[in-house]
Amino acid sequence: MEVPFTWKVTGWFVIGWSAEFAAGETRALKYFGEDLVAWRDEDGTLHLMEAHCKHLGAHLGHGGRIVGDCVECPFHGWRWGADGTNRYIPYQPDKPNRGVRLRVYPVVEQHGVVFMWYQPHGEPPKWELPDIFEKHPQFETDPNAYYRPYPEFSRFAENEPVHPQIVAENGPDSAHFRYVHRATVTPVCLDWKVVDNEWRFLTGWPDAGSDDPDKMSLYIHSHFSGLGFAISAFEGAANHRLIFACTPVDDHNSNMFYSVWWPKEPGDTGDIPPEAVRKRVEKQYMVTVWDDLDIWRYQKYVERPTLSKIDAKPYMAMRKWAQQFYEVPPVEKINA
């Protein structure tokens, strides 16, 4: 997908689920065009840093091993601490190389989801990562009241030609539900507003059985935190929560993550959803999100779209809000 803005977007982004990052192992990742390594130290703390050893460039995510609070290079045994400094060289143990450092990326685990902070120049986080359960506090905020999201209620799409802003632009677009998701009624964008780094919107689903056009059978409360992800709460027959995230891999593709926190059945204290609940959520919620992907894969970004009166104002306001997360020019302009 060709877009007139950079893929090196500033913000918090999802890079996986906690269960995927095993203790004592390294994991190779690639995001924002950078080769990365994720690893847990012996205390279980997760770290994320640039992947190539400063000695001779070996990839720490392929064969690297954990030694105490360091990751050891598989090539010559150089050890690197969580702060990116060289801690140990086996053939000169008293003289680590203090003049080199690996770039370290802030990483946070929250309710089983792993987030990284990305800023093109390595600047620290500009805003705090919002809490999935503190968002929309009018609904149940105890994580123990919901079934675990991973692996049953989580999905992953790899290397898709989708920019995070395209995902965000679904926010003000309620009309697509009828055509893309085969909704029997057309939802209504009831409210939207910008709050610093957040784009917040409320979507209502008219009650088909009522003559009152203002009566809704379902509300979707959604907050985008930057362009990386949206946290949503559904208010209706089943009040569940979800997160939908899009993280750039390079200047052409992104990985996409989707997780649902479904309320537990009365009296159920287990974390694993029963089969009946799994089938219901799978049928109603785990499939429809990828309907959008079938559109995005082949979509052309229209810089000056012809909009209807009902969507013009929120669309353009959202695009204006998004500009704050582009702190470097697109690759095409850099190379021009």
C-alpha atoms as a PDB file:
ATOM      1  CA  MET A   1       0.000   0.000   0.000  1.00  0.00           C
ATOM      2  CA  GLU A   2       1.457   3.349  -1.053  1.00  0.00           C
ATOM      3  CA  VAL A   3       0.822   6.119   1.478  1.00  0.00           C
ATOM      4  CA  PRO A   4       2.067   9.739   1.611  1.00  0.00           C
ATOM      5  CA  PHE A   5       3.411   9.389   5.149  1.00  0.00           C
ATOM      6  CA  THR A   6       6.093   7.374   6.915  1.00  0.00           C
ATOM      7  CA  TRP A   7       5.717   3.839   8.239  1.00  0.00           C
ATOM      8  CA  LYS A   8       8.067   4.740  11.112  1.00  0.00           C
ATOM      9  CA  VAL A   9       5.189   5.899  13.287  1.00  0.00           C
ATOM     10  CA  THR A  10       5.731   7.177  16.823  1.00  0.00           C
ATOM     11  CA  GLY A  11       3.765   5.431  19.580  1.00  0.00           C
ATOM     12  CA  TRP A  12       3.038   2.266  21.517  1.00  0.00           C
ATOM     13  CA  PHE A  13       2.627  -0.872  19.405  1.00  0.00           C
ATOM     14  CA  VAL A  14       1.724  -4.509  20.043  1.00  0.00           C
ATOM     15  CA  ILE A  15       4.430  -7.080  19.233  1.00  0.00           C
ATOM     16  CA  GLY A  16       2.819 -10.242  20.579  1.00  0.00           C
ATOM     17  CA  TRP A  17       1.399 -12.007  23.614  1.00  0.00           C
ATOM     18  CA  SER A  18       3.340 -12.731  26.802  1.00  0.00           C
ATOM     19  CA  ALA A  19       2.924 -16.491  26.455  1.00  0.00           C
ATOM     20  CA  GLU A  20       4.933 -16.385  23.216  1.00  0.00           C
ATOM     21  CA  PHE A  21       8.066 -15.161  25.003  1.00  0.00           C
ATOM     22  CA  ALA A  22       9.366 -18.138  26.956  1.00  0.00           C
ATOM     23  CA  ALA A  23      11.771 -17.781  29.856  1.00  0.00           C
ATOM     24  CA  GLY A  24      15.382 -18.536  29.000  1.00  0.00           C
ATOM     25  CA  GLU A  25      14.889 -18.090  25.258  1.00  0.00           C
ATOM     26  CA  THR A  26      15.577 -15.376  22.717  1.00  0.00           C
ATOM     27  CA  ARG A  27      13.099 -14.469  20.003  1.00  0.00           C
ATOM     28  CA  ALA A  28      13.920 -12.770  16.718  1.00  0.00           C
ATOM     29  CA  LEU A  29      11.527 -10.026  15.629  1.00  0.00           C
ATOM     30  CA  LYS A  30      11.422  -7.363  12.943  1.00  0.00           C
ATOM     31  CA  TYR A  31       9.501  -4.106  13.296  1.00  0.00           C
ATOM     32  CA  PHE A  32       9.883  -0.652  11.762  1.00  0.00           C
ATOM     33  CA  GLY A  33      12.520  -2.064   9.427  1.00  0.00           C
ATOM     34  CA  GLU A  34      14.735  -3.007  12.394  1.00  0.00           C
ATOM     35  CA  ASP A  35      15.971  -6.460  13.359  1.00  0.00           C
ATOM     36  CA  LEU A  36      15.154  -6.939  17.050  1.00  0.00           C
ATOM     37  CA  VAL A  37      15.675  -9.532  19.750  1.00  0.00           C
ATOM     38  CA  ALA A  38      13.305 -10.114  22.657  1.00  0.00           C
ATOM     39  CA  TRP A  39      14.453 -12.074  25.703  1.00  0.00           C
ATOM     40  CA  ARG A  40      13.575 -12.730  29.312  1.00  0.00           C
ATOM     41  CA  ASP A  41      16.264 -12.612  31.956  1.00  0.00           C
ATOM     42  CA  GLU A  42      16.394 -15.177  34.752  1.00  0.00           C
ATOM     43  CA  ASP A  43      13.959 -13.073  36.792  1.00  0.00           C
ATOM     44  CA  GLY A  44      11.398 -13.312  33.992  1.00  0.00           C
ATOM     45  CA  THR A  45      11.615  -9.663  32.938  1.00  0.00           C
ATOM     46  CA  LEU A  46      11.140  -9.152  29.199  1.00  0.00           C
ATOM     47  CA  HIS A  47      13.612  -7.005  27.254  1.00  0.00           C
ATOM     48  CA  LEU A  48      13.735  -5.760  23.660  1.00  0.00           C
ATOM     49  CA  MET A  49      16.786  -4.433  21.815  1.00  0.00           C
ATOM     50  CA  GLU A  50      18.464  -4.238  18.445  1.00  0.00           C
ATOM     51  CA  ALA A  51      19.425  -7.720  17.382  1.00  0.00           C
ATOM     52  CA  HIS A  52      22.925  -7.561  15.892  1.00  0.00           C
ATOM     53  CA  CYS A  53      25.933  -7.905  18.153  1.00  0.00           C
ATOM     54  CA  LYS A  54      28.279  -4.908  17.898  1.00  0.00           C
ATOM     55  CA  HIS A  55      31.272  -7.265  17.637  1.00  0.00           C
ATOM     56  CA  LEU A  56      30.806  -8.930  14.242  1.00  0.00           C
ATOM     57  CA  GLY A  57      27.074  -8.595  13.655  1.00  0.00           C
ATOM     58  CA  ALA A  58      25.660 -11.968  14.688  1.00  0.00           C
ATOM     59  CA  HIS A  59      21.910 -11.983  15.336  1.00  0.00           C
ATOM     60  CA  LEU A  60      21.250 -12.478  19.052  1.00  0.00           C
ATOM     61  CA  GLY A  61      17.771 -13.836  18.323  1.00  0.00           C
ATOM     62  CA  HIS A  62      19.163 -16.837  16.442  1.00  0.00           C
ATOM     63  CA  GLY A  63      21.065 -19.012  18.864  1.00  0.00           C
ATOM     64  CA  GLY A  64      21.650 -16.417  21.575  1.00  0.00           C
ATOM     65  CA  ARG A  65      21.246 -17.668  25.128  1.00  0.00           C
ATOM     66  CA  ILE A  66      20.366 -16.106  28.465  1.00  0.00           C
ATOM     67  CA  VAL A  67      23.090 -15.925  31.100  1.00  0.00           C
ATOM     68  CA  GLY A  68      21.833 -14.267  34.293  1.00  0.00           C
ATOM     69  CA  ASP A  69      20.714 -10.777  33.378  1.00  0.00           C
ATOM     70  CA  CYS A  70      22.457 -10.810  29.980  1.00  0.00           C
ATOM     71  CA  VAL A  71      21.923 -12.189  26.497  1.00  0.00           C
ATOM     72  CA  GLU A  72      24.964 -13.963  25.099  1.00  0.00           C
ATOM     73  CA  CYS A  73      25.956 -13.772  21.439  1.00  0.00           C
ATOM     74  CA  PRO A  74      26.052 -17.214  19.750  1.00  0.00           C
ATOM     75  CA  PHE A  75      29.122 -16.230  17.685  1.00  0.00           C
ATOM     76  CA  HIS A  76      31.839 -15.325  20.225  1.00  0.00           C
ATOM     77  CA  GLY A  77      30.061 -15.229  23.584  1.00  0.00           C
ATOM     78  CA  TRP A  78      29.900 -11.477  24.084  1.00  0.00           C
ATOM     79  CA  ARG A  79      27.232 -10.696  26.677  1.00  0.00           C
ATOM     80  CA  TRP A  80      24.873  -7.738  26.577  1.00  0.00           C
ATOM     81  CA  GLY A  81      22.876  -6.354  29.477  1.00  0.00           C
ATOM     82  CA  ALA A  82      19.276  -5.188  29.467  1.00  0.00           C
ATOM     83  CA  ASP A  83      20.520  -1.594  29.207  1.00  0.00           C
ATOM     84  CA  GLY A  84      22.324  -2.427  25.953  1.00  0.00           C
ATOM     85  CA  THR A  85      25.842  -2.261  27.393  1.00  0.00           C
ATOM     86  CA  ASN A  86      28.531  -4.853  26.798  1.00  0.00           C
ATOM     87  CA  ARG A  87      29.008  -6.682  30.090  1.00  0.00           C
ATOM     88  CA  TYR A  88      31.458  -9.468  29.275  1.00  0.00           C
ATOM     89  CA  ILE A  89      33.928 -10.671  26.635  1.00  0.00           C
ATOM     90  CA  PRO A  90      35.079 -14.241  27.418  1.00  0.00           C
ATOM     91  CA  TYR A  91      38.636 -13.829  26.139  1.00  0.00           C
ATOM     92  CA  GLN A  92      39.157 -10.528  27.981  1.00  0.00           C
ATOM     93  CA  PRO A  93      36.828 -10.970  30.987  1.00  0.00           C
ATOM     94  CA  ASP A  94      38.060  -7.945  32.872  1.00  0.00           C
ATOM     95  CA  LYS A  95      37.689  -5.542  29.961  1.00  0.00           C
ATOM     96  CA  PRO A  96      34.197  -5.337  28.427  1.00  0.00           C
ATOM     97  CA  ASN A  97      33.821  -2.818  25.624  1.00  0.00           C
ATOM     98  CA  ARG A  98      32.247   0.156  27.342  1.00  0.00           C
ATOM     99  CA  GLY A  99      32.277   2.270  24.193  1.00  0.00           C
ATOM    100  CA  VAL A 100      29.480   0.419  22.386  1.00  0.00           C
ATOM    101  CA  ARG A 101      25.811  -0.029  23.194  1.00  0.00           C
ATOM    102  CA  LEU A 102      22.822  -1.776  21.627  1.00  0.00           C
ATOM    103  CA  ARG A 103      19.664   0.291  21.204  1.00  0.00           C
ATOM    104  CA  VAL A 104      17.069  -0.690  23.794  1.00  0.00           C
ATOM    105  CA  TYR A 105      13.334  -0.298  23.210  1.00  0.00           C
ATOM    106  CA  PRO A 106      10.874   0.256  26.075  1.00  0.00           C
ATOM    107  CA  VAL A 107       8.637  -2.788  26.410  1.00  0.00           C
ATOM    108  CA  VAL A 108       5.593  -3.335  28.656  1.00  0.00           C
ATOM    109  CA  GLU A 109       3.543  -6.457  29.331  1.00  0.00           C
ATOM    110  CA  GLN A 110      -0.065  -5.772  30.172  1.00  0.00           C
ATOM    111  CA  HIS A 111      -2.833  -8.345  30.716  1.00  0.00           C
ATOM    112  CA  GLY A 112      -1.006 -10.867  28.540  1.00  0.00           C
ATOM    113  CA  VAL A 113      -0.238  -8.440  25.693  1.00  0.00           C
ATOM    114  CA  VAL A 114       3.276  -7.167  24.900  1.00  0.00           C
ATOM    115  CA  PHE A 115       3.758  -3.543  23.802  1.00  0.00           C
ATOM    116  CA  MET A 116       6.858  -1.733  22.573  1.00  0.00           C
ATOM    117  CA  TRP A 117       7.466   2.007  22.351  1.00  0.00           C
ATOM    118  CA  TYR A 118       8.837   3.226  19.035  1.00  0.00           C
ATOM    119  CA  GLN A 119      10.171   6.663  18.155  1.00  0.00           C
ATOM    120  CA  PRO A 120      12.402   6.995  15.084  1.00  0.00           C
ATOM    121  CA  HIS A 121      15.204   8.803  16.941  1.00  0.00           C
ATOM    122  CA  GLY A 122      15.077   6.644  20.071  1.00  0.00           C
ATOM    123  CA  GLU A 123      13.356   9.212  22.275  1.00  0.00           C
ATOM    124  CA  PRO A 124      11.603   7.910  25.427  1.00  0.00           C
ATOM    125  CA  PRO A 125       7.807   7.454  25.644  1.00  0.00           C
ATOM    126  CA  LYS A 126       5.855  10.678  25.238  1.00  0.00           C
ATOM    127  CA  TRP A 127       2.762   9.288  26.918  1.00  0.00           C
ATOM    128  CA  GLU A 128       1.964   6.459  29.296  1.00  0.00           C
ATOM    129  CA  LEU A 129       0.626   3.231  27.880  1.00  0.00           C
ATOM    130  CA  PRO A 130      -3.117   3.134  28.682  1.00  0.00           C
ATOM    131  CA  ASP A 131      -4.442   0.204  30.680  1.00  0.00           C
ATOM    132  CA  ILE A 132      -6.829  -2.071  28.805  1.00  0.00           C
ATOM    133  CA  PHE A 133      -9.102  -2.418  31.840  1.00  0.00           C
ATOM    134  CA  GLU A 134      -8.879   1.132  33.142  1.00  0.00           C
ATOM    135  CA  LYS A 135     -10.163   2.294  29.794  1.00  0.00           C
ATOM    136  CA  HIS A 136     -13.972   2.418  29.789  1.00  0.00           C
ATOM    137  CA  PRO A 137     -14.246   2.098  33.596  1.00  0.00           C
ATOM    138  CA  GLN A 138     -18.042   2.145  33.407  1.00  0.00           C
ATOM    139  CA  PHE A 139     -17.789  -1.595  32.669  1.00  0.00           C
ATOM    140  CA  GLU A 140     -16.268  -4.450  34.686  1.00  0.00           C
ATOM    141  CA  THR A 141     -12.590  -3.645  35.230  1.00  0.00           C
ATOM    142  CA  ASP A 142     -11.451  -6.788  37.067  1.00  0.00           C
ATOM    143  CA  PRO A 143      -9.363  -8.888  34.629  1.00  0.00           C
ATOM    144  CA  ASN A 144     -10.342 -11.992  36.614  1.00  0.00           C
ATOM    145  CA  ALA A 145     -13.946 -11.482  35.498  1.00  0.00           C
ATOM    146  CA  TYR A 146     -12.919 -12.323  31.920  1.00  0.00           C
ATOM    147  CA  TYR A 147     -11.566 -15.421  30.198  1.00  0.00           C
ATOM    148  CA  ARG A 148      -7.962 -15.257  29.069  1.00  0.00           C
ATOM    149  CA  PRO A 149      -7.590 -13.732  25.604  1.00  0.00           C
ATOM    150  CA  TYR A 150      -4.702 -15.905  24.450  1.00  0.00           C
ATOM    151  CA  PRO A 151      -4.704 -18.257  22.695  1.00  0.00           C
ATOM    152  CA  GLU A 152      -8.432 -18.952  22.320  1.00  0.00           C
ATOM    153  CA  PHE A 153      -9.598 -15.410  21.652  1.00  0.00           C
ATOM    154  CA  SER A 154      -6.585 -13.968  19.863  1.00  0.00           C
ATOM    155  CA  ARG A 155      -5.659 -13.796  16.196  1.00  0.00           C
ATOM    156  CA  PHE A 156      -2.568 -12.752  14.235  1.00  0.00           C
ATOM    157  CA  ALA A 157      -2.044 -11.687  10.614  1.00  0.00           C
ATOM    158  CA  GLU A 158       1.548 -11.425   9.361  1.00  0.00           C
ATOM    159  CA  ASN A 159       3.096  -9.107   6.774  1.00  0.00           C
ATOM    160  CA  GLU A 160      -0.083  -7.542   5.482  1.00  0.00           C
ATOM    161  CA  PRO A 161       0.130  -4.467   3.177  1.00  0.00           C
ATOM    162  CA  VAL A 162      -1.744  -2.271   5.645  1.00  0.00           C
ATOM    163  CA  HIS A 163      -0.591   0.998   7.232  1.00  0.00           C
ATOM    164  CA  PRO A 164      -1.799   1.704  10.821  1.00  0.00           C
ATOM    165  CA  GLN A 165      -3.648   4.842   9.712  1.00  0.00           C
ATOM    166  CA  ILE A 166      -5.841   2.763   7.394  1.00  0.00           C
ATOM    167  CA  VAL A 167      -6.968   0.760  10.417  1.00  0.00           C
ATOM    168  CA  ALA A 168      -7.624   3.946  12.389  1.00  0.00           C
ATOM    169  CA  GLU A 169      -9.752   5.320   9.569  1.00  0.00           C
ATOM    170  CA  ASN A 170     -12.266   2.561  10.271  1.00  0.00           C
ATOM    171  CA  GLY A 171     -13.158   4.575  13.393  1.00  0.00           C
ATOM    172  CA  PRO A 172     -15.264   7.300  11.770  1.00  0.00           C
ATOM    173  CA  ASP A 173     -16.528   4.892   9.092  1.00  0.00           C
ATOM    174  CA  SER A 174     -19.737   3.318  10.367  1.00  0.00           C
ATOM    175  CA  ALA A 175     -21.289   2.861   6.913  1.00  0.00           C
ATOM    176  CA  HIS A 176     -18.960   0.022   5.943  1.00  0.00           C
ATOM    177  CA  PHE A 177     -20.502  -2.394   8.479  1.00  0.00           C
ATOM    178  CA  ARG A 178     -23.464  -3.140   6.235  1.00  0.00           C
ATOM    179  CA  TYR A 179     -21.301  -3.991   3.228  1.00  0.00           C
ATOM    180  CA  VAL A 180     -18.116  -5.432   4.686  1.00  0.00           C
ATOM    181  CA  HIS A 181     -19.497  -7.179   7.773  1.00  0.00           C
ATOM    182  CA  ARG A 182     -22.966  -7.880   6.373  1.00  0.00           C
ATOM    183  CA  ALA A 183     -24.674  -6.040   9.235  1.00  0.00           C
ATOM    184  CA  THR A 184     -28.470  -6.004   9.064  1.00  0.00           C
ATOM    185  CA  VAL A 185     -28.580  -2.396  10.282  1.00  0.00           C
ATOM    186  CA  THR A 186     -26.246   0.513   9.641  1.00  0.00           C
ATOM    187  CA  PRO A 187     -24.426   1.736  12.757  1.00  0.00           C
ATOM    188  CA  VAL A 188     -24.259   5.428  13.597  1.00  0.00           C
ATOM    189  CA  CYS A 189     -21.251   7.435  14.726  1.00  0.00           C
ATOM    190  CA  LEU A 190     -22.794   9.056  17.808  1.00  0.00           C
ATOM    191  CA  ASP A 191     -19.789  10.952  19.093  1.00  0.00           C
ATOM    192  CA  TRP A 192     -16.082  11.489  18.481  1.00  0.00           C
ATOM    193  CA  LYS A 193     -13.387  13.665  19.954  1.00  0.00           C
ATOM    194  CA  VAL A 194      -9.638  14.156  20.134  1.00  0.00           C
ATOM    195  CA  VAL A 195      -7.935  14.019  23.548  1.00  0.00           C
ATOM    196  CA  ASP A 196      -4.178  14.577  23.161  1.00  0.00           C
ATOM    197  CA  ASN A 197      -2.754  11.352  21.703  1.00  0.00           C
ATOM    198  CA  GLU A 198      -6.172   9.640  21.673  1.00  0.00           C
ATOM    199  CA  TRP A 199      -8.932   9.461  19.101  1.00  0.00           C
ATOM    200  CA  ARG A 200     -12.157   8.516  20.890  1.00  0.00           C
ATOM    201  CA  PHE A 201     -15.404   7.552  19.243  1.00  0.00           C
ATOM    202  CA  LEU A 202     -18.771   6.032  20.107  1.00  0.00           C
ATOM    203  CA  THR A 203     -20.727   3.918  17.633  1.00  0.00           C
ATOM    204  CA  GLY A 204     -24.358   2.934  18.127  1.00  0.00           C
ATOM    205  CA  TRP A 205     -26.346   0.139  16.506  1.00  0.00           C
ATOM    206  CA  PRO A 206     -30.015   1.093  16.058  1.00  0.00           C
ATOM    207  CA  ASP A 207     -32.552  -1.316  17.560  1.00  0.00           C
ATOM    208  CA  ALA A 208     -34.217  -2.899  14.535  1.00  0.00           C
ATOM    209  CA  GLY A 209     -37.239  -3.846  16.624  1.00  0.00           C
ATOM    210  CA  SER A 210     -37.980  -0.300  17.728  1.00  0.00           C
ATOM    211  CA  ASP A 211     -39.677   2.607  15.979  1.00  0.00           C
ATOM    212  CA  ASP A 212     -37.475   4.982  17.941  1.00  0.00           C
ATOM    213  CA  PRO A 213     -34.451   5.835  15.750  1.00  0.00           C
ATOM    214  CA  ASP A 214     -32.506   6.903  18.852  1.00  0.00           C
ATOM    215  CA  LYS A 215     -32.879   3.551  20.607  1.00  0.00           C
ATOM    216  CA  MET A 216     -29.705   1.485  20.318  1.00  0.00           C
ATOM    217  CA  SER A 217     -29.260  -2.243  20.855  1.00  0.00           C
ATOM    218  CA  LEU A 218     -25.467  -2.033  20.992  1.00  0.00           C
ATOM    219  CA  TYR A 219     -22.809   0.580  21.693  1.00  0.00           C
ATOM    220  CA  ILE A 220     -19.115   0.304  20.850  1.00  0.00           C
ATOM    221  CA  HIS A 221     -16.841   2.564  22.891  1.00  0.00           C
ATOM    222  CA  SER A 222     -13.400   2.852  21.269  1.00  0.00           C
ATOM    223  CA  HIS A 223     -10.218   4.751  22.061  1.00  0.00           C
ATOM    224  CA  PHE A 224      -7.223   4.792  19.725  1.00  0.00           C
ATOM    225  CA  SER A 225      -3.957   5.357  21.597  1.00  0.00           C
ATOM    226  CA  GLY A 226      -1.875   6.853  18.830  1.00  0.00           C
ATOM    227  CA  LEU A 227      -2.108   4.865  15.608  1.00  0.00           C
ATOM    228  CA  GLY A 228      -0.886   1.608  17.121  1.00  0.00           C
ATOM    229  CA  PHE A 229      -4.054   0.130  18.554  1.00  0.00           C
ATOM    230  CA  ALA A 230      -7.643   0.671  19.659  1.00  0.00           C
ATOM    231  CA  ILE A 231      -9.112  -0.465  22.968  1.00  0.00           C
ATOM    232  CA  SER A 232     -12.849  -1.064  22.686  1.00  0.00           C
ATOM    233  CA  ALA A 233     -15.684  -2.027  25.009  1.00  0.00           C
ATOM    234  CA  PHE A 234     -18.964  -3.442  23.725  1.00  0.00           C
ATOM    235  CA  GLU A 235     -22.118  -2.477  25.593  1.00  0.00           C
ATOM    236  CA  GLY A 236     -25.108  -4.684  24.851  1.00  0.00           C
ATOM    237  CA  ALA A 237     -26.006  -8.350  25.172  1.00  0.00           C
ATOM    238  CA  ALA A 238     -22.448  -9.276  26.209  1.00  0.00           C
ATOM    239  CA  ASN A 239     -20.168  -6.580  27.570  1.00  0.00           C
ATOM    240  CA  HIS A 240     -16.761  -7.640  26.336  1.00  0.00           C
ATOM    241  CA  ARG A 241     -13.492  -5.845  25.678  1.00  0.00           C
ATOM    242  CA  LEU A 242     -11.029  -6.107  22.831  1.00  0.00           C
ATOM    243  CA  ILE A 243      -7.847  -4.685  21.400  1.00  0.00           C
ATOM    244  CA  PHE A 244      -7.073  -4.408  17.696  1.00  0.00           C
ATOM    245  CA  ALA A 245      -3.520  -3.460  16.770  1.00  0.00           C
ATOM    246  CA  CYS A 246      -1.441  -2.795  13.675  1.00  0.00           C
ATOM    247  CA  THR A 247       2.366  -2.658  13.908  1.00  0.00           C
ATOM    248  CA  PRO A 248       4.611  -1.799  10.923  1.00  0.00           C
ATOM    249  CA  VAL A 249       7.192  -4.426  10.005  1.00  0.00           C
ATOM    250  CA  ASP A 250       8.867  -2.328   7.315  1.00  0.00           C
ATOM    251  CA  ASP A 251       7.928   0.363   4.803  1.00  0.00           C
ATOM    252  CA  HIS A 252       5.368  -1.873   3.073  1.00  0.00           C
ATOM    253  CA  ASN A 253       3.785  -4.278   5.556  1.00  0.00           C
ATOM    254  CA  SER A 254       2.422  -4.595   9.084  1.00  0.00           C
ATOM    255  CA  ASN A 255       1.570  -7.348  11.536  1.00  0.00           C
ATOM    256  CA  MET A 256      -1.917  -7.270  13.007  1.00  0.00           C
ATOM    257  CA  PHE A 257      -3.071  -8.461  16.432  1.00  0.00           C
ATOM    258  CA  TYR A 258      -6.567  -8.996  17.775  1.00  0.00           C
ATOM    259  CA  SER A 259      -7.618 -10.101  21.273  1.00  0.00           C
ATOM    260  CA  VAL A 260     -10.980 -10.355  23.011  1.00  0.00           C
ATOM    261  CA  TRP A 261     -11.640 -10.444  26.764  1.00  0.00           C
ATOM    262  CA  TRP A 262     -14.968 -12.231  27.143  1.00  0.00           C
ATOM    263  CA  PRO A 263     -16.914 -12.114  30.454  1.00  0.00           C
ATOM    264  CA  LYS A 264     -16.913 -15.384  32.362  1.00  0.00           C
ATOM    265  CA  GLU A 265     -20.061 -17.430  32.699  1.00  0.00           C
ATOM    266  CA  PRO A 266     -21.776 -17.072  36.112  1.00  0.00           C
ATOM    267  CA  GLY A 267     -19.972 -19.179  38.699  1.00  0.00           C
ATOM    268  CA  ASP A 268     -17.023 -19.996  36.414  1.00  0.00           C
ATOM    269  CA  THR A 269     -13.687 -19.229  38.070  1.00  0.00           C
ATOM    270  CA  GLY A 270     -11.436 -20.741  35.406  1.00  0.00           C
ATOM    271  CA  ASP A 271      -9.395 -18.778  32.869  1.00  0.00           C
ATOM    272  CA  ILE A 272      -9.994 -21.139  29.943  1.00  0.00           C
ATOM    273  CA  PRO A 273     -13.275 -20.475  28.098  1.00  0.00           C
ATOM    274  CA  PRO A 274     -15.722 -23.412  27.836  1.00  0.00           C
ATOM    275  CA  GLU A 275     -16.277 -24.938  24.403  1.00  0.00           C
ATOM    276  CA  ALA A 276     -19.736 -23.398  23.999  1.00  0.00           C
ATOM    277  CA  VAL A 277     -18.388 -19.924  24.724  1.00  0.00           C
ATOM    278  CA  ARG A 278     -15.459 -20.447  22.376  1.00  0.00           C
ATOM    279  CA  LYS A 279     -17.740 -21.431  19.512  1.00  0.00           C
ATOM    280  CA  ARG A 280     -20.019 -18.449  20.092  1.00  0.00           C
ATOM    281  CA  VAL A 281     -17.207 -15.894  20.216  1.00  0.00           C
ATOM    282  CA  GLU A 282     -15.458 -17.486  17.246  1.00  0.00           C
ATOM    283  CA  LYS A 283     -18.589 -17.306  15.112  1.00  0.00           C
ATOM    284  CA  GLN A 284     -19.704 -13.815  16.077  1.00  0.00           C
ATOM    285  CA  TYR A 285     -16.491 -11.886  16.731  1.00  0.00           C
ATOM    286  CA  MET A 286     -13.256 -13.657  15.792  1.00  0.00           C
ATOM    287  CA  VAL A 287     -13.974 -13.866  12.062  1.00  0.00           C
ATOM    288  CA  THR A 288     -15.558 -10.530  11.180  1.00  0.00           C
ATOM    289  CA  VAL A 289     -12.452  -8.453  11.990  1.00  0.00           C
ATOM    290  CA  TRP A 290     -10.630 -10.049   9.063  1.00  0.00           C
ATOM    291  CA  ASP A 291     -13.396  -8.995   6.678  1.00  0.00           C
ATOM    292  CA  ASP A 292     -11.776  -5.551   6.789  1.00  0.00           C
ATOM    293  CA  LEU A 293      -8.446  -7.075   5.846  1.00  0.00           C
ATOM    294  CA  ASP A 294      -9.923  -8.363   2.592  1.00  0.00           C
ATOM    295  CA  ILE A 295     -10.580  -4.717   1.687  1.00  0.00           C
ATOM    296  CA  TRP A 296      -7.335  -3.237   3.033  1.00  0.00           C
ATOM    297  CA  ARG A 297      -5.115  -5.657   1.112  1.00  0.00           C
ATOM    298  CA  TYR A 298      -6.205  -4.173  -2.207  1.00  0.00           C
ATOM    299  CA  GLN A 299      -7.158  -0.665  -1.172  1.00  0.00           C
ATOM    300  CA  LYS A 300      -5.513   2.422  -2.659  1.00  0.00           C
ATOM    301  CA  TYR A 301      -5.012   5.310  -0.272  1.00  0.00           C
ATOM    302  CA  VAL A 302      -6.907   8.362  -1.496  1.00  0.00           C
ATOM    303  CA  GLU A 303      -5.218  11.496  -0.224  1.00  0.00           C
ATOM    304  CA  ARG A 304      -8.116  13.796  -1.170  1.00  0.00           C
ATOM    305  CA  PRO A 305     -11.199  11.588  -0.887  1.00  0.00           C
ATOM    306  CA  THR A 306     -14.664  12.505  -2.082  1.00  0.00           C
ATOM    307  CA  LEU A 307     -16.574  12.254   1.183  1.00  0.00           C
ATOM    308  CA  SER A 308     -20.261  12.362   2.030  1.00  0.00           C
ATOM    309  CA  LYS A 309     -21.574  15.044   4.362  1.00  0.00           C
ATOM    310  CA  ILE A 310     -22.038  12.583   7.214  1.00  0.00           C
ATOM    311  CA  ASP A 311     -18.434  11.357   7.297  1.00  0.00           C
ATOM    312  CA  ALA A 312     -16.455  14.352   6.031  1.00  0.00           C
ATOM    313  CA  LYS A 313     -15.920  16.112   9.360  1.00  0.00           C
ATOM    314  CA  PRO A 314     -14.826  13.101  11.480  1.00  0.00           C
ATOM    315  CA  TYR A 315     -12.672  11.695   8.666  1.00  0.00           C
ATOM    316  CA  MET A 316     -10.710  14.878   8.157  1.00  0.00           C
ATOM    317  CA  ALA A 317     -10.438  15.517  11.898  1.00  0.00           C
ATOM    318  CA  MET A 318      -9.009  12.030  12.381  1.00  0.00           C
ATOM    319  CA  ARG A 319      -6.453  12.547   9.620  1.00  0.00           C
ATOM    320  CA  LYS A 320      -5.395  15.857  11.133  1.00  0.00           C
ATOM    321  CA  TRP A 321      -5.012  14.181  14.541  1.00  0.00           C
ATOM    322  CA  ALA A 322      -2.865  11.427  12.992  1.00  0.00           C
ATOM    323  CA  GLN A 323      -0.247  13.873  11.703  1.00  0.00           C
ATOM    324  CA  GLN A 324       1.279  14.263  15.175  1.00  0.00           C
ATOM    325  CA  PHE A 325       2.648  10.707  15.044  1.00  0.00           C
ATOM    326  CA  TYR A 326       4.736  11.270  11.900  1.00  0.00           C
ATOM    327  CA  GLU A 327       8.044  12.698  13.120  1.00  0.00           C
ATOM    328  CA  VAL A 328      10.102  11.770  10.071  1.00  0.00           C
ATOM    329  CA  PRO A 329       9.271  12.117   6.358  1.00  0.00           C
ATOM    330  CA  PRO A 330       8.316   9.107   4.232  1.00  0.00           C
ATOM    331  CA  VAL A 331      11.126   7.152   2.586  1.00  0.00           C
ATOM    332  CA  GLU A 332      10.257   8.549  -0.844  1.00  0.00           C
ATOM    333  CA  LYS A 333      10.913  12.129   0.319  1.00  0.00           C
ATOM    334  CA  ILE A 334      14.142  11.167   2.093  1.00  0.00           C
ATOM    335  CA  ASN A 335      15.472   9.625  -1.117  1.00  0.00           C
ATOM    336  CA  ALA A 336      14.192  12.389  -3.384  1.00  0.00           C
END
